[in-house]
Amino acid sequence: MEHKIVKSSEIKVNVGLDINNLPVGIKWSAEDGDIIDSPAKAFILSMWDHVQKNTMKIDLWTKDMSVEEMKQFFHQTLLTMADSFEKATGENRICDDLRDYCYHFAEKMEILPEK
């Protein structure tokens, strides 16, 4: 089913590279969200190619992103994926399982808040 496009919105990602083409700076903008050149240290972008039935992805992080930040980034990304999948499909039981795994991940990576 085709949907008529009534508006477009653009999200821009600008990646600054060093002489070896390694990311040293990431900024993103989403004018509809009043976000202009907001700095970031990493991003993960996944797009579904419905023709190829395959995920296309880009994952980049800057040279100064610490391992601790990467652990937190992945933990939060996994939790967000559980929320998004549940919202899109209503599959709450498997999403609860994924959240349980996220707790296990955080425990193993030693990023749980101290009690």
PDB file of N, CA and C in Angstrom:
ATOM      1  N   MET A   1       0.840  -1.175   0.000  1.00  0.00           N
ATOM      2  CA  MET A   1       0.000   0.000   0.000  1.00  0.00           C
ATOM      3  C   MET A   1       0.887   1.241   0.000  1.00  0.00           C
ATOM      4  N   GLU A   2       0.698   2.098  -0.972  1.00  0.00           N
ATOM      5  CA  GLU A   2       1.448   3.344  -1.083  1.00  0.00           C
ATOM      6  C   GLU A   2       0.813   4.407  -0.203  1.00  0.00           C
ATOM      7  N   HIS A   3       1.646   5.193   0.441  1.00  0.00           N
ATOM      8  CA  HIS A   3       1.181   6.329   1.234  1.00  0.00           C
ATOM      9  C   HIS A   3       1.666   7.605   0.571  1.00  0.00           C
ATOM     10  N   LYS A   4       0.802   8.586   0.526  1.00  0.00           N
ATOM     11  CA  LYS A   4       1.153   9.867  -0.064  1.00  0.00           C
ATOM     12  C   LYS A   4       2.025  10.650   0.921  1.00  0.00           C
ATOM     13  N   ILE A   5       3.188  11.093   0.472  1.00  0.00           N
ATOM     14  CA  ILE A   5       4.068  11.905   1.313  1.00  0.00           C
ATOM     15  C   ILE A   5       3.532  13.326   1.331  1.00  0.00           C
ATOM     16  N   VAL A   6       3.273  13.831   2.523  1.00  0.00           N
ATOM     17  CA  VAL A   6       2.761  15.192   2.662  1.00  0.00           C
ATOM     18  C   VAL A   6       3.808  16.151   3.226  1.00  0.00           C
ATOM     19  N   LYS A   7       4.907  15.603   3.732  1.00  0.00           N
ATOM     20  CA  LYS A   7       5.956  16.420   4.316  1.00  0.00           C
ATOM     21  C   LYS A   7       7.229  15.593   4.348  1.00  0.00           C
ATOM     22  N   SER A   8       8.362  16.253   4.308  1.00  0.00           N
ATOM     23  CA  SER A   8       9.642  15.571   4.480  1.00  0.00           C
ATOM     24  C   SER A   8      10.367  16.172   5.670  1.00  0.00           C
ATOM     25  N   SER A   9      11.144  15.355   6.310  1.00  0.00           N
ATOM     26  CA  SER A   9      11.964  15.796   7.429  1.00  0.00           C
ATOM     27  C   SER A   9      13.350  15.211   7.235  1.00  0.00           C
ATOM     28  N   GLU A  10      14.363  16.014   7.467  1.00  0.00           N
ATOM     29  CA  GLU A  10      15.725  15.567   7.207  1.00  0.00           C
ATOM     30  C   GLU A  10      16.515  15.479   8.505  1.00  0.00           C
ATOM     31  N   ILE A  11      17.239  14.377   8.644  1.00  0.00           N
ATOM     32  CA  ILE A  11      18.186  14.183   9.743  1.00  0.00           C
ATOM     33  C   ILE A  11      19.559  14.108   9.110  1.00  0.00           C
ATOM     34  N   LYS A  12      20.479  14.928   9.601  1.00  0.00           N
ATOM     35  CA  LYS A  12      21.830  14.976   9.043  1.00  0.00           C
ATOM     36  C   LYS A  12      22.827  14.479  10.075  1.00  0.00           C
ATOM     37  N   VAL A  13      23.795  13.706   9.613  1.00  0.00           N
ATOM     38  CA  VAL A  13      24.904  13.261  10.444  1.00  0.00           C
ATOM     39  C   VAL A  13      26.182  13.678   9.743  1.00  0.00           C
ATOM     40  N   ASN A  14      27.013  14.420  10.451  1.00  0.00           N
ATOM     41  CA  ASN A  14      28.284  14.866   9.903  1.00  0.00           C
ATOM     42  C   ASN A  14      29.398  14.201  10.697  1.00  0.00           C
ATOM     43  N   VAL A  15      30.270  13.480   9.992  1.00  0.00           N
ATOM     44  CA  VAL A  15      31.363  12.758  10.643  1.00  0.00           C
ATOM     45  C   VAL A  15      32.686  13.408  10.240  1.00  0.00           C
ATOM     46  N   GLY A  16      33.399  13.946  11.224  1.00  0.00           N
ATOM     47  CA  GLY A  16      34.724  14.503  10.980  1.00  0.00           C
ATOM     48  C   GLY A  16      35.750  13.382  11.042  1.00  0.00           C
ATOM     49  N   LEU A  17      36.659  13.347  10.065  1.00  0.00           N
ATOM     50  CA  LEU A  17      37.642  12.272   9.962  1.00  0.00           C
ATOM     51  C   LEU A  17      39.058  12.815  10.104  1.00  0.00           C
ATOM     52  N   ASP A  18      39.953  11.978  10.650  1.00  0.00           N
ATOM     53  CA  ASP A  18      41.357  12.350  10.703  1.00  0.00           C
ATOM     54  C   ASP A  18      42.042  11.941   9.391  1.00  0.00           C
ATOM     55  N   ILE A  19      43.350  12.065   9.323  1.00  0.00           N
ATOM     56  CA  ILE A  19      44.054  11.760   8.072  1.00  0.00           C
ATOM     57  C   ILE A  19      43.995  10.283   7.696  1.00  0.00           C
ATOM     58  N   ASN A  20      43.659   9.423   8.670  1.00  0.00           N
ATOM     59  CA  ASN A  20      43.515   7.985   8.409  1.00  0.00           C
ATOM     60  C   ASN A  20      42.059   7.584   8.196  1.00  0.00           C
ATOM     61  N   ASN A  21      41.187   8.567   8.010  1.00  0.00           N
ATOM     62  CA  ASN A  21      39.747   8.347   7.821  1.00  0.00           C
ATOM     63  C   ASN A  21      39.074   7.712   9.027  1.00  0.00           C
ATOM     64  N   LEU A  22      39.599   7.953  10.226  1.00  0.00           N
ATOM     65  CA  LEU A  22      38.962   7.483  11.451  1.00  0.00           C
ATOM     66  C   LEU A  22      38.118   8.614  12.039  1.00  0.00           C
ATOM     67  N   PRO A  23      36.916   8.294  12.523  1.00  0.00           N
ATOM     68  CA  PRO A  23      36.047   9.339  13.068  1.00  0.00           C
ATOM     69  C   PRO A  23      36.658  10.023  14.295  1.00  0.00           C
ATOM     70  N   VAL A  24      36.689  11.333  14.259  1.00  0.00           N
ATOM     71  CA  VAL A  24      37.188  12.113  15.403  1.00  0.00           C
ATOM     72  C   VAL A  24      36.124  13.068  15.929  1.00  0.00           C
ATOM     73  N   GLY A  25      35.052  13.242  15.198  1.00  0.00           N
ATOM     74  CA  GLY A  25      33.966  14.103  15.643  1.00  0.00           C
ATOM     75  C   GLY A  25      32.688  13.747  14.907  1.00  0.00           C
ATOM     76  N   ILE A  26      31.589  13.721  15.651  1.00  0.00           N
ATOM     77  CA  ILE A  26      30.276  13.444  15.061  1.00  0.00           C
ATOM     78  C   ILE A  26      29.331  14.538  15.538  1.00  0.00           C
ATOM     79  N   LYS A  27      28.606  15.112  14.609  1.00  0.00           N
ATOM     80  CA  LYS A  27      27.554  16.074  14.926  1.00  0.00           C
ATOM     81  C   LYS A  27      26.314  15.675  14.138  1.00  0.00           C
ATOM     82  N   TRP A  28      25.158  15.873  14.743  1.00  0.00           N
ATOM     83  CA  TRP A  28      23.922  15.557  14.040  1.00  0.00           C
ATOM     84  C   TRP A  28      22.912  16.686  14.211  1.00  0.00           C
ATOM     85  N   SER A  29      22.025  16.784  13.223  1.00  0.00           N
ATOM     86  CA  SER A  29      21.005  17.821  13.226  1.00  0.00           C
ATOM     87  C   SER A  29      19.666  17.222  12.805  1.00  0.00           C
ATOM     88  N   ALA A  30      18.621  17.696  13.446  1.00  0.00           N
ATOM     89  CA  ALA A  30      17.240  17.343  13.091  1.00  0.00           C
ATOM     90  C   ALA A  30      16.424  18.602  13.318  1.00  0.00           C
ATOM     91  N   GLU A  31      16.256  19.378  12.266  1.00  0.00           N
ATOM     92  CA  GLU A  31      15.623  20.685  12.410  1.00  0.00           C
ATOM     93  C   GLU A  31      14.212  20.596  12.977  1.00  0.00           C
ATOM     94  N   ASP A  32      13.468  19.537  12.646  1.00  0.00           N
ATOM     95  CA  ASP A  32      12.116  19.390  13.207  1.00  0.00           C
ATOM     96  C   ASP A  32      12.151  19.228  14.727  1.00  0.00           C
ATOM     97  N   GLY A  33      13.277  18.760  15.255  1.00  0.00           N
ATOM     98  CA  GLY A  33      13.431  18.602  16.700  1.00  0.00           C
ATOM     99  C   GLY A  33      14.254  19.709  17.322  1.00  0.00           C
ATOM    100  N   ASP A  34      14.523  20.769  16.555  1.00  0.00           N
ATOM    101  CA  ASP A  34      15.343  21.895  17.018  1.00  0.00           C
ATOM    102  C   ASP A  34      16.728  21.445  17.494  1.00  0.00           C
ATOM    103  N   ILE A  35      17.285  20.467  16.802  1.00  0.00           N
ATOM    104  CA  ILE A  35      18.629  19.982  17.117  1.00  0.00           C
ATOM    105  C   ILE A  35      19.543  20.405  15.974  1.00  0.00           C
ATOM    106  N   ILE A  36      20.549  21.194  16.302  1.00  0.00           N
ATOM    107  CA  ILE A  36      21.480  21.696  15.293  1.00  0.00           C
ATOM    108  C   ILE A  36      22.904  21.393  15.745  1.00  0.00           C
ATOM    109  N   ASP A  37      23.612  20.619  14.944  1.00  0.00           N
ATOM    110  CA  ASP A  37      25.024  20.287  15.209  1.00  0.00           C
ATOM    111  C   ASP A  37      25.274  19.821  16.644  1.00  0.00           C
ATOM    112  N   SER A  38      24.431  18.909  17.093  1.00  0.00           N
ATOM    113  CA  SER A  38      24.595  18.348  18.441  1.00  0.00           C
ATOM    114  C   SER A  38      25.734  17.332  18.418  1.00  0.00           C
ATOM    115  N   PRO A  39      26.711  17.454  19.331  1.00  0.00           N
ATOM    116  CA  PRO A  39      27.837  16.532  19.308  1.00  0.00           C
ATOM    117  C   PRO A  39      27.458  15.140  19.816  1.00  0.00           C
ATOM    118  N   ALA A  40      28.117  14.140  19.278  1.00  0.00           N
ATOM    119  CA  ALA A  40      27.934  12.753  19.707  1.00  0.00           C
ATOM    120  C   ALA A  40      29.276  12.044  19.570  1.00  0.00           C
ATOM    121  N   LYS A  41      29.451  10.978  20.330  1.00  0.00           N
ATOM    122  CA  LYS A  41      30.670  10.183  20.218  1.00  0.00           C
ATOM    123  C   LYS A  41      30.459   8.905  19.429  1.00  0.00           C
ATOM    124  N   ALA A  42      29.183   8.514  19.202  1.00  0.00           N
ATOM    125  CA  ALA A  42      28.914   7.268  18.480  1.00  0.00           C
ATOM    126  C   ALA A  42      27.498   7.298  17.932  1.00  0.00           C
ATOM    127  N   PHE A  43      27.267   6.474  16.906  1.00  0.00           N
ATOM    128  CA  PHE A  43      25.908   6.247  16.453  1.00  0.00           C
ATOM    129  C   PHE A  43      25.818   4.891  15.773  1.00  0.00           C
ATOM    130  N   ILE A  44      24.613   4.348  15.825  1.00  0.00           N
ATOM    131  CA  ILE A  44      24.270   3.100  15.144  1.00  0.00           C
ATOM    132  C   ILE A  44      23.036   3.403  14.309  1.00  0.00           C
ATOM    133  N   LEU A  45      23.132   3.124  13.028  1.00  0.00           N
ATOM    134  CA  LEU A  45      22.013   3.355  12.119  1.00  0.00           C
ATOM    135  C   LEU A  45      21.700   2.050  11.414  1.00  0.00           C
ATOM    136  N   SER A  46      20.452   1.616  11.510  1.00  0.00           N
ATOM    137  CA  SER A  46      20.004   0.411  10.818  1.00  0.00           C
ATOM    138  C   SER A  46      18.830   0.773   9.932  1.00  0.00           C
ATOM    139  N   MET A  47      18.876   0.301   8.704  1.00  0.00           N
ATOM    140  CA  MET A  47      17.805   0.543   7.742  1.00  0.00           C
ATOM    141  C   MET A  47      17.380  -0.808   7.163  1.00  0.00           C
ATOM    142  N   TRP A  48      16.075  -1.014   7.037  1.00  0.00           N
ATOM    143  CA  TRP A  48      15.553  -2.267   6.490  1.00  0.00           C
ATOM    144  C   TRP A  48      15.355  -2.129   4.991  1.00  0.00           C
ATOM    145  N   ASP A  49      16.042  -2.952   4.230  1.00  0.00           N
ATOM    146  CA  ASP A  49      15.863  -3.019   2.777  1.00  0.00           C
ATOM    147  C   ASP A  49      14.811  -4.092   2.518  1.00  0.00           C
ATOM    148  N   HIS A  50      13.592  -3.658   2.237  1.00  0.00           N
ATOM    149  CA  HIS A  50      12.485  -4.604   2.068  1.00  0.00           C
ATOM    150  C   HIS A  50      12.596  -5.411   0.778  1.00  0.00           C
ATOM    151  N   VAL A  51      13.351  -4.931  -0.183  1.00  0.00           N
ATOM    152  CA  VAL A  51      13.538  -5.680  -1.430  1.00  0.00           C
ATOM    153  C   VAL A  51      14.524  -6.828  -1.200  1.00  0.00           C
ATOM    154  N   GLN A  52      15.652  -6.528  -0.597  1.00  0.00           N
ATOM    155  CA  GLN A  52      16.680  -7.540  -0.322  1.00  0.00           C
ATOM    156  C   GLN A  52      16.368  -8.364   0.936  1.00  0.00           C
ATOM    157  N   LYS A  53      15.396  -7.888   1.733  1.00  0.00           N
ATOM    158  CA  LYS A  53      15.067  -8.532   3.020  1.00  0.00           C
ATOM    159  C   LYS A  53      16.327  -8.614   3.889  1.00  0.00           C
ATOM    160  N   ASN A  54      16.972  -7.454   4.028  1.00  0.00           N
ATOM    161  CA  ASN A  54      18.250  -7.408   4.710  1.00  0.00           C
ATOM    162  C   ASN A  54      18.394  -6.068   5.422  1.00  0.00           C
ATOM    163  N   THR A  55      19.147  -6.074   6.507  1.00  0.00           N
ATOM    164  CA  THR A  55      19.434  -4.851   7.240  1.00  0.00           C
ATOM    165  C   THR A  55      20.723  -4.234   6.727  1.00  0.00           C
ATOM    166  N   MET A  56      20.644  -2.959   6.419  1.00  0.00           N
ATOM    167  CA  MET A  56      21.838  -2.189   6.079  1.00  0.00           C
ATOM    168  C   MET A  56      22.180  -1.391   7.326  1.00  0.00           C
ATOM    169  N   LYS A  57      23.467  -1.322   7.665  1.00  0.00           N
ATOM    170  CA  LYS A  57      23.788  -0.638   8.909  1.00  0.00           C
ATOM    171  C   LYS A  57      25.105   0.116   8.807  1.00  0.00           C
ATOM    172  N   ILE A  58      25.186   1.119   9.657  1.00  0.00           N
ATOM    173  CA  ILE A  58      26.422   1.879   9.846  1.00  0.00           C
ATOM    174  C   ILE A  58      26.590   2.011  11.351  1.00  0.00           C
ATOM    175  N   ASP A  59      27.755   1.685  11.850  1.00  0.00           N
ATOM    176  CA  ASP A  59      28.057   1.955  13.252  1.00  0.00           C
ATOM    177  C   ASP A  59      29.441   2.596  13.317  1.00  0.00           C
ATOM    178  N   LEU A  60      29.484   3.758  13.918  1.00  0.00           N
ATOM    179  CA  LEU A  60      30.720   4.521  14.033  1.00  0.00           C
ATOM    180  C   LEU A  60      30.857   5.068  15.443  1.00  0.00           C
ATOM    181  N   TRP A  61      32.087   5.208  15.867  1.00  0.00           N
ATOM    182  CA  TRP A  61      32.366   5.863  17.136  1.00  0.00           C
ATOM    183  C   TRP A  61      33.684   6.605  17.005  1.00  0.00           C
ATOM    184  N   THR A  62      33.800   7.668  17.784  1.00  0.00           N
ATOM    185  CA  THR A  62      35.001   8.487  17.715  1.00  0.00           C
ATOM    186  C   THR A  62      36.138   7.846  18.493  1.00  0.00           C
ATOM    187  N   LYS A  63      37.348   8.279  18.158  1.00  0.00           N
ATOM    188  CA  LYS A  63      38.545   7.728  18.793  1.00  0.00           C
ATOM    189  C   LYS A  63      38.580   7.992  20.292  1.00  0.00           C
ATOM    190  N   ASP A  64      37.904   9.045  20.750  1.00  0.00           N
ATOM    191  CA  ASP A  64      37.967   9.382  22.176  1.00  0.00           C
ATOM    192  C   ASP A  64      36.817   8.796  22.998  1.00  0.00           C
ATOM    193  N   MET A  65      35.996   7.937  22.392  1.00  0.00           N
ATOM    194  CA  MET A  65      34.933   7.288  23.168  1.00  0.00           C
ATOM    195  C   MET A  65      35.564   6.193  24.014  1.00  0.00           C
ATOM    196  N   SER A  66      35.320   6.265  25.315  1.00  0.00           N
ATOM    197  CA  SER A  66      35.925   5.293  26.231  1.00  0.00           C
ATOM    198  C   SER A  66      35.181   3.957  26.180  1.00  0.00           C
ATOM    199  N   VAL A  67      35.844   2.928  26.651  1.00  0.00           N
ATOM    200  CA  VAL A  67      35.218   1.606  26.736  1.00  0.00           C
ATOM    201  C   VAL A  67      34.015   1.675  27.676  1.00  0.00           C
ATOM    202  N   GLU A  68      34.130   2.412  28.774  1.00  0.00           N
ATOM    203  CA  GLU A  68      33.008   2.546  29.706  1.00  0.00           C
ATOM    204  C   GLU A  68      31.807   3.199  29.022  1.00  0.00           C
ATOM    205  N   GLU A  69      32.051   4.230  28.221  1.00  0.00           N
ATOM    206  CA  GLU A  69      30.961   4.862  27.487  1.00  0.00           C
ATOM    207  C   GLU A  69      30.348   3.899  26.479  1.00  0.00           C
ATOM    208  N   MET A  70      31.173   3.098  25.822  1.00  0.00           N
ATOM    209  CA  MET A  70      30.673   2.126  24.844  1.00  0.00           C
ATOM    210  C   MET A  70      29.783   1.084  25.533  1.00  0.00           C
ATOM    211  N   LYS A  71      30.178   0.630  26.701  1.00  0.00           N
ATOM    212  CA  LYS A  71      29.358  -0.324  27.453  1.00  0.00           C
ATOM    213  C   LYS A  71      27.987   0.265  27.752  1.00  0.00           C
ATOM    214  N   GLN A  72      27.969   1.510  28.222  1.00  0.00           N
ATOM    215  CA  GLN A  72      26.700   2.167  28.540  1.00  0.00           C
ATOM    216  C   GLN A  72      25.882   2.407  27.279  1.00  0.00           C
ATOM    217  N   PHE A  73      26.545   2.812  26.197  1.00  0.00           N
ATOM    218  CA  PHE A  73      25.869   3.056  24.923  1.00  0.00           C
ATOM    219  C   PHE A  73      25.162   1.786  24.434  1.00  0.00           C
ATOM    220  N   PHE A  74      25.855   0.666  24.450  1.00  0.00           N
ATOM    221  CA  PHE A  74      25.243  -0.586  23.991  1.00  0.00           C
ATOM    222  C   PHE A  74      24.128  -1.024  24.925  1.00  0.00           C
ATOM    223  N   HIS A  75      24.321  -0.892  26.221  1.00  0.00           N
ATOM    224  CA  HIS A  75      23.278  -1.266  27.179  1.00  0.00           C
ATOM    225  C   HIS A  75      22.013  -0.456  26.917  1.00  0.00           C
ATOM    226  N   GLN A  76      22.147   0.844  26.788  1.00  0.00           N
ATOM    227  CA  GLN A  76      20.985   1.691  26.562  1.00  0.00           C
ATOM    228  C   GLN A  76      20.362   1.430  25.189  1.00  0.00           C
ATOM    229  N   THR A  77      21.187   1.139  24.191  1.00  0.00           N
ATOM    230  CA  THR A  77      20.669   0.830  22.858  1.00  0.00           C
ATOM    231  C   THR A  77      19.857  -0.460  22.883  1.00  0.00           C
ATOM    232  N   LEU A  78      20.350  -1.475  23.570  1.00  0.00           N
ATOM    233  CA  LEU A  78      19.600  -2.737  23.681  1.00  0.00           C
ATOM    234  C   LEU A  78      18.262  -2.524  24.383  1.00  0.00           C
ATOM    235  N   LEU A  79      18.256  -1.734  25.457  1.00  0.00           N
ATOM    236  CA  LEU A  79      16.995  -1.443  26.151  1.00  0.00           C
ATOM    237  C   LEU A  79      16.024  -0.703  25.226  1.00  0.00           C
ATOM    238  N   THR A  80      16.538   0.247  24.469  1.00  0.00           N
ATOM    239  CA  THR A  80      15.702   0.993  23.528  1.00  0.00           C
ATOM    240  C   THR A  80      15.137   0.078  22.459  1.00  0.00           C
ATOM    241  N   MET A  81      15.938  -0.875  22.003  1.00  0.00           N
ATOM    242  CA  MET A  81      15.464  -1.827  20.993  1.00  0.00           C
ATOM    243  C   MET A  81      14.318  -2.667  21.548  1.00  0.00           C
ATOM    244  N   ALA A  82      14.415  -3.077  22.794  1.00  0.00           N
ATOM    245  CA  ALA A  82      13.328  -3.839  23.419  1.00  0.00           C
ATOM    246  C   ALA A  82      12.050  -2.998  23.450  1.00  0.00           C
ATOM    247  N   ASP A  83      12.177  -1.735  23.850  1.00  0.00           N
ATOM    248  CA  ASP A  83      11.004  -0.852  23.897  1.00  0.00           C
ATOM    249  C   ASP A  83      10.406  -0.644  22.510  1.00  0.00           C
ATOM    250  N   SER A  84      11.263  -0.393  21.528  1.00  0.00           N
ATOM    251  CA  SER A  84      10.786  -0.157  20.160  1.00  0.00           C
ATOM    252  C   SER A  84      10.114  -1.398  19.579  1.00  0.00           C
ATOM    253  N   PHE A  85      10.722  -2.564  19.797  1.00  0.00           N
ATOM    254  CA  PHE A  85      10.153  -3.803  19.267  1.00  0.00           C
ATOM    255  C   PHE A  85       8.798  -4.081  19.912  1.00  0.00           C
ATOM    256  N   GLU A  86       8.696  -3.849  21.206  1.00  0.00           N
ATOM    257  CA  GLU A  86       7.422  -4.063  21.891  1.00  0.00           C
ATOM    258  C   GLU A  86       6.353  -3.104  21.367  1.00  0.00           C
ATOM    259  N   LYS A  87       6.725  -1.849  21.175  1.00  0.00           N
ATOM    260  CA  LYS A  87       5.768  -0.863  20.652  1.00  0.00           C
ATOM    261  C   LYS A  87       5.315  -1.236  19.247  1.00  0.00           C
ATOM    262  N   ALA A  88       6.242  -1.737  18.421  1.00  0.00           N
ATOM    263  CA  ALA A  88       5.921  -2.056  17.025  1.00  0.00           C
ATOM    264  C   ALA A  88       5.134  -3.353  16.877  1.00  0.00           C
ATOM    265  N   THR A  89       5.376  -4.326  17.766  1.00  0.00           N
ATOM    266  CA  THR A  89       4.796  -5.660  17.566  1.00  0.00           C
ATOM    267  C   THR A  89       3.843  -6.110  18.666  1.00  0.00           C
ATOM    268  N   GLY A  90       3.936  -5.500  19.846  1.00  0.00           N
ATOM    269  CA  GLY A  90       3.136  -5.954  20.982  1.00  0.00           C
ATOM    270  C   GLY A  90       3.669  -7.226  21.622  1.00  0.00           C
ATOM    271  N   GLU A  91       4.834  -7.671  21.201  1.00  0.00           N
ATOM    272  CA  GLU A  91       5.445  -8.910  21.728  1.00  0.00           C
ATOM    273  C   GLU A  91       6.099  -8.631  23.084  1.00  0.00           C
ATOM    274  N   ASN A  92       5.256  -8.492  24.115  1.00  0.00           N
ATOM    275  CA  ASN A  92       5.797  -8.082  25.409  1.00  0.00           C
ATOM    276  C   ASN A  92       6.604  -9.156  26.123  1.00  0.00           C
ATOM    277  N   ARG A  93       6.274 -10.428  25.938  1.00  0.00           N
ATOM    278  CA  ARG A  93       7.012 -11.481  26.661  1.00  0.00           C
ATOM    279  C   ARG A  93       8.468 -11.566  26.208  1.00  0.00           C
ATOM    280  N   ILE A  94       8.702 -11.546  24.902  1.00  0.00           N
ATOM    281  CA  ILE A  94      10.081 -11.629  24.420  1.00  0.00           C
ATOM    282  C   ILE A  94      10.833 -10.339  24.750  1.00  0.00           C
ATOM    283  N   CYS A  95      10.124  -9.221  24.784  1.00  0.00           N
ATOM    284  CA  CYS A  95      10.771  -7.955  25.144  1.00  0.00           C
ATOM    285  C   CYS A  95      11.156  -7.935  26.614  1.00  0.00           C
ATOM    286  N   ASP A  96      10.335  -8.545  27.450  1.00  0.00           N
ATOM    287  CA  ASP A  96      10.720  -8.691  28.861  1.00  0.00           C
ATOM    288  C   ASP A  96      11.967  -9.565  28.980  1.00  0.00           C
ATOM    289  N   ASP A  97      12.050 -10.616  28.150  1.00  0.00           N
ATOM    290  CA  ASP A  97      13.256 -11.455  28.136  1.00  0.00           C
ATOM    291  C   ASP A  97      14.479 -10.649  27.713  1.00  0.00           C
ATOM    292  N   LEU A  98      14.316  -9.799  26.705  1.00  0.00           N
ATOM    293  CA  LEU A  98      15.431  -8.968  26.249  1.00  0.00           C
ATOM    294  C   LEU A  98      15.854  -7.991  27.352  1.00  0.00           C
ATOM    295  N   ARG A  99      14.894  -7.426  28.059  1.00  0.00           N
ATOM    296  CA  ARG A  99      15.233  -6.533  29.182  1.00  0.00           C
ATOM    297  C   ARG A  99      15.960  -7.303  30.282  1.00  0.00           C
ATOM    298  N   ASP A 100      15.550  -8.545  30.529  1.00  0.00           N
ATOM    299  CA  ASP A 100      16.286  -9.377  31.492  1.00  0.00           C
ATOM    300  C   ASP A 100      17.729  -9.565  31.037  1.00  0.00           C
ATOM    301  N   TYR A 101      17.910  -9.813  29.736  1.00  0.00           N
ATOM    302  CA  TYR A 101      19.270  -9.943  29.209  1.00  0.00           C
ATOM    303  C   TYR A 101      20.034  -8.628  29.386  1.00  0.00           C
ATOM    304  N   CYS A 102      19.366  -7.503  29.192  1.00  0.00           N
ATOM    305  CA  CYS A 102      20.031  -6.204  29.358  1.00  0.00           C
ATOM    306  C   CYS A 102      20.532  -6.033  30.789  1.00  0.00           C
ATOM    307  N   TYR A 103      19.749  -6.503  31.752  1.00  0.00           N
ATOM    308  CA  TYR A 103      20.199  -6.462  33.140  1.00  0.00           C
ATOM    309  C   TYR A 103      21.443  -7.337  33.300  1.00  0.00           C
ATOM    310  N   HIS A 104      21.424  -8.528  32.723  1.00  0.00           N
ATOM    311  CA  HIS A 104      22.568  -9.443  32.760  1.00  0.00           C
ATOM    312  C   HIS A 104      23.791  -8.786  32.101  1.00  0.00           C
ATOM    313  N   PHE A 105      23.589  -8.151  30.959  1.00  0.00           N
ATOM    314  CA  PHE A 105      24.660  -7.444  30.248  1.00  0.00           C
ATOM    315  C   PHE A 105      25.271  -6.373  31.158  1.00  0.00           C
ATOM    316  N   ALA A 106      24.412  -5.561  31.774  1.00  0.00           N
ATOM    317  CA  ALA A 106      24.886  -4.477  32.645  1.00  0.00           C
ATOM    318  C   ALA A 106      25.650  -5.033  33.846  1.00  0.00           C
ATOM    319  N   GLU A 107      25.166  -6.143  34.366  1.00  0.00           N
ATOM    320  CA  GLU A 107      25.843  -6.778  35.497  1.00  0.00           C
ATOM    321  C   GLU A 107      27.228  -7.277  35.079  1.00  0.00           C
ATOM    322  N   LYS A 108      27.307  -7.970  33.959  1.00  0.00           N
ATOM    323  CA  LYS A 108      28.588  -8.495  33.458  1.00  0.00           C
ATOM    324  C   LYS A 108      29.566  -7.388  33.085  1.00  0.00           C
ATOM    325  N   MET A 109      29.052  -6.277  32.565  1.00  0.00           N
ATOM    326  CA  MET A 109      29.906  -5.150  32.168  1.00  0.00           C
ATOM    327  C   MET A 109      30.209  -4.228  33.352  1.00  0.00           C
ATOM    328  N   GLU A 110      29.621  -4.559  34.504  1.00  0.00           N
ATOM    329  CA  GLU A 110      29.835  -3.803  35.743  1.00  0.00           C
ATOM    330  C   GLU A 110      29.468  -2.337  35.569  1.00  0.00           C
ATOM    331  N   ILE A 111      28.277  -2.109  34.992  1.00  0.00           N
ATOM    332  CA  ILE A 111      27.798  -0.742  34.814  1.00  0.00           C
ATOM    333  C   ILE A 111      26.499  -0.473  35.577  1.00  0.00           C
ATOM    334  N   LEU A 112      26.098  -1.418  36.431  1.00  0.00           N
ATOM    335  CA  LEU A 112      24.925  -1.187  37.257  1.00  0.00           C
ATOM    336  C   LEU A 112      25.236  -0.103  38.297  1.00  0.00           C
ATOM    337  N   PRO A 113      24.261   0.737  38.603  1.00  0.00           N
ATOM    338  CA  PRO A 113      24.511   1.746  39.643  1.00  0.00           C
ATOM    339  C   PRO A 113      24.801   1.069  40.978  1.00  0.00           C
ATOM    340  N   GLU A 114      25.680   1.696  41.735  1.00  0.00           N
ATOM    341  CA  GLU A 114      26.009   1.135  43.058  1.00  0.00           C
ATOM    342  C   GLU A 114      24.825   1.275  43.972  1.00  0.00           C
ATOM    343  N   LYS A 115      24.642   0.268  44.838  1.00  0.00           N
ATOM    344  CA  LYS A 115      23.504   0.284  45.774  1.00  0.00           C
ATOM    345  C   LYS A 115      23.865   0.989  47.047  1.00  0.00           C
TER     346      LYS A 115
END
